[in-house]
Amino acid sequence: MSRFLPLMAAAAVFTLPALAGTNFTAKLAQPQDSSERIIAAKALWDCNQDTCVAELNRRTVTVRTCKKVASEVGELAGFSNDKESLSAEDLAECNKSAKR
């Protein structure tokens, strides 16, 4: 067992960062009067005024994820994470699924 500990420790060093979530932000087109929490894209989103934030277990911003959020909160003015954001064309596609 003890001879496997270094191997398990090395595996953890490479695996644990992959398990960490990425912060995503959805900017609402219409600000809300009160704060609320919603579940979308398998995450809990904290929404306050014109911004909803969540930690997701994915690294890239996609139209598919954006659509899941927009269907719960309404039209979005932006959708991004720490490294990228949706283009204007992709955001328009996302908003086709927005809650009315």
C-alpha atoms as a PDB file:
ATOM      1  CA  MET A   1       0.000   0.000   0.000  1.00  0.00           C
ATOM      2  CA  SER A   2       2.729   2.475   0.937  1.00  0.00           C
ATOM      3  CA  ARG A   3       4.415   2.093  -2.433  1.00  0.00           C
ATOM      4  CA  PHE A   4       1.228   3.354  -4.110  1.00  0.00           C
ATOM      5  CA  LEU A   5       0.988   6.558  -2.036  1.00  0.00           C
ATOM      6  CA  PRO A   6       3.388   8.568  -4.225  1.00  0.00           C
ATOM      7  CA  LEU A   7       1.486   7.451  -7.317  1.00  0.00           C
ATOM      8  CA  MET A   8      -1.874   8.397  -5.766  1.00  0.00           C
ATOM      9  CA  ALA A   9      -0.498  11.761  -4.654  1.00  0.00           C
ATOM     10  CA  ALA A  10       0.774  12.488  -8.170  1.00  0.00           C
ATOM     11  CA  ALA A  11      -2.598  11.542  -9.647  1.00  0.00           C
ATOM     12  CA  ALA A  12      -4.378  13.889  -7.225  1.00  0.00           C
ATOM     13  CA  VAL A  13      -2.153  16.804  -8.248  1.00  0.00           C
ATOM     14  CA  PHE A  14      -3.288  16.432 -11.849  1.00  0.00           C
ATOM     15  CA  THR A  15      -6.907  15.458 -11.188  1.00  0.00           C
ATOM     16  CA  LEU A  16      -8.035  17.939  -8.541  1.00  0.00           C
ATOM     17  CA  PRO A  17      -7.562  21.092 -10.653  1.00  0.00           C
ATOM     18  CA  ALA A  18      -9.710  19.516 -13.361  1.00  0.00           C
ATOM     19  CA  LEU A  19     -12.501  19.018 -10.841  1.00  0.00           C
ATOM     20  CA  ALA A  20     -12.511  22.675  -9.826  1.00  0.00           C
ATOM     21  CA  GLY A  21     -15.345  24.723 -11.265  1.00  0.00           C
ATOM     22  CA  THR A  22     -15.192  27.858 -13.378  1.00  0.00           C
ATOM     23  CA  ASN A  23     -17.013  31.064 -12.461  1.00  0.00           C
ATOM     24  CA  PHE A  24     -19.647  32.078 -15.007  1.00  0.00           C
ATOM     25  CA  THR A  25     -21.544  35.369 -15.222  1.00  0.00           C
ATOM     26  CA  ALA A  26     -24.871  36.054 -16.934  1.00  0.00           C
ATOM     27  CA  LYS A  27     -25.712  39.744 -17.398  1.00  0.00           C
ATOM     28  CA  LEU A  28     -29.463  40.306 -17.475  1.00  0.00           C
ATOM     29  CA  ALA A  29     -31.005  42.580 -20.098  1.00  0.00           C
ATOM     30  CA  GLN A  30     -33.629  43.706 -17.551  1.00  0.00           C
ATOM     31  CA  PRO A  31     -32.434  44.160 -13.941  1.00  0.00           C
ATOM     32  CA  GLN A  32     -34.439  42.468 -11.195  1.00  0.00           C
ATOM     33  CA  ASP A  33     -35.838  44.286  -8.174  1.00  0.00           C
ATOM     34  CA  SER A  34     -34.849  41.558  -5.732  1.00  0.00           C
ATOM     35  CA  SER A  35     -32.164  38.937  -5.455  1.00  0.00           C
ATOM     36  CA  GLU A  36     -32.998  35.307  -6.087  1.00  0.00           C
ATOM     37  CA  ARG A  37     -31.393  31.931  -6.606  1.00  0.00           C
ATOM     38  CA  ILE A  38     -32.183  29.740  -9.571  1.00  0.00           C
ATOM     39  CA  ILE A  39     -31.017  26.361 -10.779  1.00  0.00           C
ATOM     40  CA  ALA A  40     -29.889  26.147 -14.395  1.00  0.00           C
ATOM     41  CA  ALA A  41     -27.236  24.128 -16.240  1.00  0.00           C
ATOM     42  CA  LYS A  42     -26.820  21.893 -13.161  1.00  0.00           C
ATOM     43  CA  ALA A  43     -25.692  24.829 -11.013  1.00  0.00           C
ATOM     44  CA  LEU A  44     -27.080  27.217  -8.408  1.00  0.00           C
ATOM     45  CA  TRP A  45     -27.059  30.780  -9.755  1.00  0.00           C
ATOM     46  CA  ASP A  46     -27.101  33.777  -7.412  1.00  0.00           C
ATOM     47  CA  CYS A  47     -28.910  36.622  -9.156  1.00  0.00           C
ATOM     48  CA  ASN A  48     -28.824  40.197  -7.903  1.00  0.00           C
ATOM     49  CA  GLN A  49     -30.060  43.189  -9.930  1.00  0.00           C
ATOM     50  CA  ASP A  50     -28.536  42.691 -13.413  1.00  0.00           C
ATOM     51  CA  THR A  51     -26.039  39.886 -12.711  1.00  0.00           C
ATOM     52  CA  CYS A  52     -26.264  36.154 -12.069  1.00  0.00           C
ATOM     53  CA  VAL A  53     -23.157  34.186 -11.083  1.00  0.00           C
ATOM     54  CA  ALA A  54     -22.436  30.482 -10.619  1.00  0.00           C
ATOM     55  CA  GLU A  55     -19.592  28.001 -10.533  1.00  0.00           C
ATOM     56  CA  LEU A  56     -19.940  25.372 -13.240  1.00  0.00           C
ATOM     57  CA  ASN A  57     -17.995  22.181 -13.827  1.00  0.00           C
ATOM     58  CA  ARG A  58     -16.997  23.222 -17.334  1.00  0.00           C
ATOM     59  CA  ARG A  59     -14.410  25.557 -18.733  1.00  0.00           C
ATOM     60  CA  THR A  60     -15.895  26.928 -21.953  1.00  0.00           C
ATOM     61  CA  VAL A  61     -18.777  29.303 -22.599  1.00  0.00           C
ATOM     62  CA  THR A  62     -21.356  27.700 -24.880  1.00  0.00           C
ATOM     63  CA  VAL A  63     -24.676  28.696 -26.421  1.00  0.00           C
ATOM     64  CA  ARG A  64     -26.191  25.531 -24.967  1.00  0.00           C
ATOM     65  CA  THR A  65     -25.345  26.538 -21.384  1.00  0.00           C
ATOM     66  CA  CYS A  66     -26.459  30.105 -22.048  1.00  0.00           C
ATOM     67  CA  LYS A  67     -29.843  28.866 -23.298  1.00  0.00           C
ATOM     68  CA  LYS A  68     -30.386  26.918 -20.073  1.00  0.00           C
ATOM     69  CA  VAL A  69     -29.768  30.058 -18.017  1.00  0.00           C
ATOM     70  CA  ALA A  70     -31.820  32.355 -20.275  1.00  0.00           C
ATOM     71  CA  SER A  71     -34.779  29.971 -20.111  1.00  0.00           C
ATOM     72  CA  GLU A  72     -34.858  30.522 -16.328  1.00  0.00           C
ATOM     73  CA  VAL A  73     -34.001  34.235 -15.966  1.00  0.00           C
ATOM     74  CA  GLY A  74     -34.969  35.849 -19.268  1.00  0.00           C
ATOM     75  CA  GLU A  75     -33.054  37.713 -21.960  1.00  0.00           C
ATOM     76  CA  LEU A  76     -29.332  38.123 -21.380  1.00  0.00           C
ATOM     77  CA  ALA A  77     -27.103  41.058 -22.302  1.00  0.00           C
ATOM     78  CA  GLY A  78     -23.965  38.942 -21.860  1.00  0.00           C
ATOM     79  CA  PHE A  79     -22.728  35.485 -20.914  1.00  0.00           C
ATOM     80  CA  SER A  80     -19.123  34.818 -19.940  1.00  0.00           C
ATOM     81  CA  ASN A  81     -16.572  33.208 -17.676  1.00  0.00           C
ATOM     82  CA  ASP A  82     -13.179  34.512 -16.521  1.00  0.00           C
ATOM     83  CA  LYS A  83     -11.575  33.869 -19.923  1.00  0.00           C
ATOM     84  CA  GLU A  84     -14.186  34.234 -22.668  1.00  0.00           C
ATOM     85  CA  SER A  85     -17.647  35.478 -23.531  1.00  0.00           C
ATOM     86  CA  LEU A  86     -20.278  34.707 -26.143  1.00  0.00           C
ATOM     87  CA  SER A  87     -20.191  36.677 -29.381  1.00  0.00           C
ATOM     88  CA  ALA A  88     -23.121  38.917 -30.299  1.00  0.00           C
ATOM     89  CA  GLU A  89     -24.355  36.278 -32.775  1.00  0.00           C
ATOM     90  CA  ASP A  90     -24.165  33.476 -30.218  1.00  0.00           C
ATOM     91  CA  LEU A  91     -25.886  35.651 -27.603  1.00  0.00           C
ATOM     92  CA  ALA A  92     -28.738  36.316 -30.058  1.00  0.00           C
ATOM     93  CA  GLU A  93     -29.084  32.559 -30.582  1.00  0.00           C
ATOM     94  CA  CYS A  94     -29.077  32.041 -26.814  1.00  0.00           C
ATOM     95  CA  ASN A  95     -31.818  34.608 -26.264  1.00  0.00           C
ATOM     96  CA  LYS A  96     -34.197  32.689 -28.536  1.00  0.00           C
ATOM     97  CA  SER A  97     -34.677  30.430 -25.506  1.00  0.00           C
ATOM     98  CA  ALA A  98     -35.156  33.293 -23.048  1.00  0.00           C
ATOM     99  CA  LYS A  99     -38.017  33.172 -20.567  1.00  0.00           C
ATOM    100  CA  ARG A 100     -40.784  35.531 -21.690  1.00  0.00           C
END
